[in-house]
Amino acid sequence: MTITLKPETEARLIQRAKREGAELNELADALLSNVLVDDPYRMTKAEIEASYRAMAADEEREAEAMEWAEGTLGHVIK
């Protein structure tokens, strides 16, 4: 398989391989393997943003969170 990288990405990969004394293909494989792990807790930025929007739209949950935060603030100020 051949993967084409942007020149600046390729330069950073080469620099890191040299710094770590690693073979370029092995380093690239290790980095990609780490990113491609099927982790049920790993979310994309879009998924995280959608989750926060959904939580913010839940008015009951937001009211409970505000009540909790205000109660906590009182303990901090004293």
N, C-alpha and C. Protein backbone atom coordinates (compact mmCIF):
# COMPACT_ATOMS: atom_id res chain seq x y z
N MET A 1 0.84 -1.17 0.00
CA MET A 1 0.00 0.00 0.00
C MET A 1 0.89 1.24 0.00
N THR A 2 0.48 2.24 -0.73
CA THR A 2 1.19 3.51 -0.75
C THR A 2 0.26 4.59 -0.23
N ILE A 3 0.75 5.38 0.69
CA ILE A 3 -0.02 6.50 1.24
C ILE A 3 0.73 7.77 0.92
N THR A 4 0.04 8.74 0.36
CA THR A 4 0.66 10.03 0.03
C THR A 4 0.37 11.01 1.16
N LEU A 5 1.43 11.60 1.68
CA LEU A 5 1.31 12.56 2.77
C LEU A 5 1.58 13.97 2.26
N LYS A 6 1.05 14.94 2.96
CA LYS A 6 1.41 16.33 2.67
C LYS A 6 2.90 16.47 2.99
N PRO A 7 3.61 17.32 2.25
CA PRO A 7 5.06 17.47 2.50
C PRO A 7 5.40 17.80 3.95
N GLU A 8 4.61 18.66 4.59
CA GLU A 8 4.92 19.02 5.98
C GLU A 8 4.68 17.84 6.93
N THR A 9 3.69 17.01 6.63
CA THR A 9 3.44 15.82 7.45
C THR A 9 4.57 14.81 7.27
N GLU A 10 4.98 14.63 6.04
CA GLU A 10 6.09 13.72 5.76
C GLU A 10 7.36 14.18 6.48
N ALA A 11 7.62 15.48 6.45
CA ALA A 11 8.81 16.01 7.11
C ALA A 11 8.76 15.77 8.62
N ARG A 12 7.58 15.96 9.22
CA ARG A 12 7.45 15.72 10.67
C ARG A 12 7.62 14.25 11.00
N LEU A 13 7.09 13.37 10.14
CA LEU A 13 7.23 11.93 10.36
C LEU A 13 8.70 11.52 10.28
N ILE A 14 9.41 12.03 9.29
CA ILE A 14 10.83 11.72 9.14
C ILE A 14 11.62 12.25 10.34
N GLN A 15 11.30 13.46 10.76
CA GLN A 15 11.98 14.06 11.91
C GLN A 15 11.76 13.22 13.17
N ARG A 16 10.52 12.78 13.38
CA ARG A 16 10.23 11.97 14.57
C ARG A 16 10.93 10.62 14.49
N ALA A 17 10.95 10.00 13.32
CA ALA A 17 11.64 8.72 13.16
C ALA A 17 13.12 8.86 13.49
N LYS A 18 13.73 9.93 13.02
CA LYS A 18 15.15 10.16 13.31
C LYS A 18 15.36 10.38 14.80
N ARG A 19 14.50 11.19 15.40
CA ARG A 19 14.61 11.51 16.83
C ARG A 19 14.48 10.24 17.68
N GLU A 20 13.58 9.34 17.27
CA GLU A 20 13.34 8.12 18.05
C GLU A 20 14.22 6.95 17.60
N GLY A 21 15.00 7.16 16.55
CA GLY A 21 15.83 6.09 16.03
C GLY A 21 15.00 4.94 15.47
N ALA A 22 13.86 5.29 14.93
CA ALA A 22 12.93 4.28 14.42
C ALA A 22 12.99 4.21 12.90
N GLU A 23 12.63 3.05 12.38
CA GLU A 23 12.51 2.88 10.93
C GLU A 23 11.20 3.55 10.52
N LEU A 24 11.24 4.30 9.44
CA LEU A 24 10.11 5.14 9.02
C LEU A 24 8.81 4.35 8.87
N ASN A 25 8.83 3.23 8.16
CA ASN A 25 7.61 2.46 7.95
C ASN A 25 7.06 1.88 9.25
N GLU A 26 7.96 1.44 10.13
CA GLU A 26 7.51 0.89 11.42
C GLU A 26 6.86 1.97 12.28
N LEU A 27 7.44 3.16 12.28
CA LEU A 27 6.85 4.26 13.04
C LEU A 27 5.48 4.63 12.47
N ALA A 28 5.39 4.76 11.15
CA ALA A 28 4.11 5.10 10.52
C ALA A 28 3.07 4.03 10.83
N ASP A 29 3.45 2.76 10.78
CA ASP A 29 2.52 1.67 11.09
C ASP A 29 2.06 1.76 12.53
N ALA A 30 2.98 2.01 13.46
CA ALA A 30 2.62 2.10 14.87
C ALA A 30 1.67 3.27 15.12
N LEU A 31 1.95 4.42 14.50
CA LEU A 31 1.09 5.58 14.69
C LEU A 31 -0.31 5.34 14.13
N LEU A 32 -0.38 4.77 12.94
CA LEU A 32 -1.68 4.49 12.33
C LEU A 32 -2.43 3.41 13.10
N SER A 33 -1.74 2.39 13.55
CA SER A 33 -2.39 1.33 14.32
C SER A 33 -3.03 1.88 15.57
N ASN A 34 -2.34 2.80 16.23
CA ASN A 34 -2.87 3.42 17.45
C ASN A 34 -4.14 4.22 17.16
N VAL A 35 -4.16 4.92 16.06
CA VAL A 35 -5.32 5.75 15.71
C VAL A 35 -6.50 4.90 15.27
N LEU A 36 -6.23 3.76 14.66
CA LEU A 36 -7.28 2.93 14.08
C LEU A 36 -7.84 1.87 15.04
N VAL A 37 -7.44 1.92 16.30
CA VAL A 37 -7.96 0.97 17.29
C VAL A 37 -9.46 1.18 17.41
N ASP A 38 -10.20 0.08 17.42
CA ASP A 38 -11.64 0.16 17.55
C ASP A 38 -11.98 0.33 19.02
N ASP A 39 -11.99 1.57 19.47
CA ASP A 39 -12.23 1.91 20.87
C ASP A 39 -13.63 2.48 21.00
N PRO A 40 -14.53 1.82 21.72
CA PRO A 40 -15.91 2.32 21.82
C PRO A 40 -16.00 3.66 22.54
N TYR A 41 -14.95 4.05 23.26
CA TYR A 41 -14.97 5.33 23.98
C TYR A 41 -14.34 6.46 23.20
N ARG A 42 -13.73 6.16 22.06
CA ARG A 42 -13.10 7.19 21.24
C ARG A 42 -14.17 7.84 20.38
N MET A 43 -14.22 9.16 20.41
CA MET A 43 -15.21 9.90 19.63
C MET A 43 -14.52 10.90 18.73
N THR A 44 -15.13 11.15 17.60
CA THR A 44 -14.62 12.18 16.72
C THR A 44 -15.01 13.54 17.28
N LYS A 45 -14.37 14.59 16.80
CA LYS A 45 -14.71 15.94 17.24
C LYS A 45 -16.18 16.24 16.94
N ALA A 46 -16.67 15.82 15.79
CA ALA A 46 -18.07 16.05 15.42
C ALA A 46 -19.01 15.32 16.38
N GLU A 47 -18.65 14.09 16.78
CA GLU A 47 -19.49 13.35 17.73
C GLU A 47 -19.51 14.02 19.10
N ILE A 48 -18.37 14.52 19.53
CA ILE A 48 -18.30 15.21 20.83
C ILE A 48 -19.14 16.47 20.79
N GLU A 49 -19.00 17.25 19.72
CA GLU A 49 -19.78 18.48 19.60
C GLU A 49 -21.27 18.18 19.57
N ALA A 50 -21.68 17.15 18.85
CA ALA A 50 -23.10 16.78 18.79
C ALA A 50 -23.61 16.36 20.17
N SER A 51 -22.77 15.64 20.92
CA SER A 51 -23.16 15.22 22.27
C SER A 51 -23.34 16.42 23.19
N TYR A 52 -22.43 17.37 23.11
CA TYR A 52 -22.55 18.57 23.95
C TYR A 52 -23.79 19.38 23.55
N ARG A 53 -24.08 19.47 22.25
CA ARG A 53 -25.29 20.19 21.83
C ARG A 53 -26.54 19.51 22.37
N ALA A 54 -26.56 18.18 22.33
CA ALA A 54 -27.71 17.43 22.84
C ALA A 54 -27.86 17.64 24.34
N MET A 55 -26.75 17.62 25.07
CA MET A 55 -26.82 17.84 26.52
C MET A 55 -27.30 19.25 26.83
N ALA A 56 -26.80 20.23 26.08
CA ALA A 56 -27.19 21.62 26.32
C ALA A 56 -28.67 21.84 26.00
N ALA A 57 -29.21 21.08 25.07
CA ALA A 57 -30.62 21.22 24.69
C ALA A 57 -31.54 20.58 25.73
N ASP A 58 -31.00 19.75 26.61
CA ASP A 58 -31.79 19.10 27.65
C ASP A 58 -31.95 20.08 28.80
N GLU A 59 -33.04 20.83 28.80
CA GLU A 59 -33.23 21.91 29.77
C GLU A 59 -33.30 21.41 31.20
N GLU A 60 -33.91 20.26 31.43
CA GLU A 60 -33.99 19.71 32.79
C GLU A 60 -32.60 19.37 33.31
N ARG A 61 -31.81 18.75 32.46
CA ARG A 61 -30.44 18.39 32.85
C ARG A 61 -29.60 19.64 33.11
N GLU A 62 -29.76 20.64 32.26
CA GLU A 62 -29.01 21.89 32.43
C GLU A 62 -29.40 22.59 33.73
N ALA A 63 -30.69 22.56 34.07
CA ALA A 63 -31.15 23.19 35.32
C ALA A 63 -30.55 22.45 36.52
N GLU A 64 -30.52 21.12 36.46
CA GLU A 64 -29.91 20.34 37.55
C GLU A 64 -28.42 20.64 37.66
N ALA A 65 -27.75 20.76 36.52
CA ALA A 65 -26.32 21.05 36.53
C ALA A 65 -26.06 22.44 37.11
N MET A 66 -26.89 23.41 36.75
CA MET A 66 -26.71 24.77 37.28
C MET A 66 -26.94 24.78 38.79
N GLU A 67 -27.96 24.07 39.25
CA GLU A 67 -28.24 23.99 40.68
C GLU A 67 -27.06 23.37 41.42
N TRP A 68 -26.51 22.30 40.86
CA TRP A 68 -25.35 21.66 41.47
C TRP A 68 -24.16 22.61 41.50
N ALA A 69 -23.91 23.29 40.38
CA ALA A 69 -22.76 24.20 40.29
C ALA A 69 -22.89 25.35 41.29
N GLU A 70 -24.08 25.89 41.39
CA GLU A 70 -24.29 27.00 42.33
C GLU A 70 -24.11 26.52 43.77
N GLY A 71 -24.55 25.29 44.06
CA GLY A 71 -24.37 24.73 45.41
C GLY A 71 -22.90 24.49 45.71
N THR A 72 -22.16 24.06 44.73
CA THR A 72 -20.73 23.82 44.90
C THR A 72 -19.98 25.13 45.10
N LEU A 73 -20.39 26.16 44.36
CA LEU A 73 -19.74 27.45 44.46
C LEU A 73 -19.82 28.00 45.88
N GLY A 74 -20.93 27.77 46.55
CA GLY A 74 -21.08 28.23 47.92
C GLY A 74 -20.06 27.60 48.84
N HIS A 75 -19.71 26.34 48.61
CA HIS A 75 -18.72 25.67 49.44
C HIS A 75 -17.31 26.20 49.18
N VAL A 76 -17.05 26.63 47.97
CA VAL A 76 -15.72 27.12 47.59
C VAL A 76 -15.49 28.51 48.16
N ILE A 77 -16.51 29.34 48.17
CA ILE A 77 -16.36 30.73 48.60
C ILE A 77 -16.20 30.82 50.11
N LYS A 78 -16.82 29.92 50.85
CA LYS A 78 -16.77 30.00 52.32
C LYS A 78 -15.40 29.78 52.85
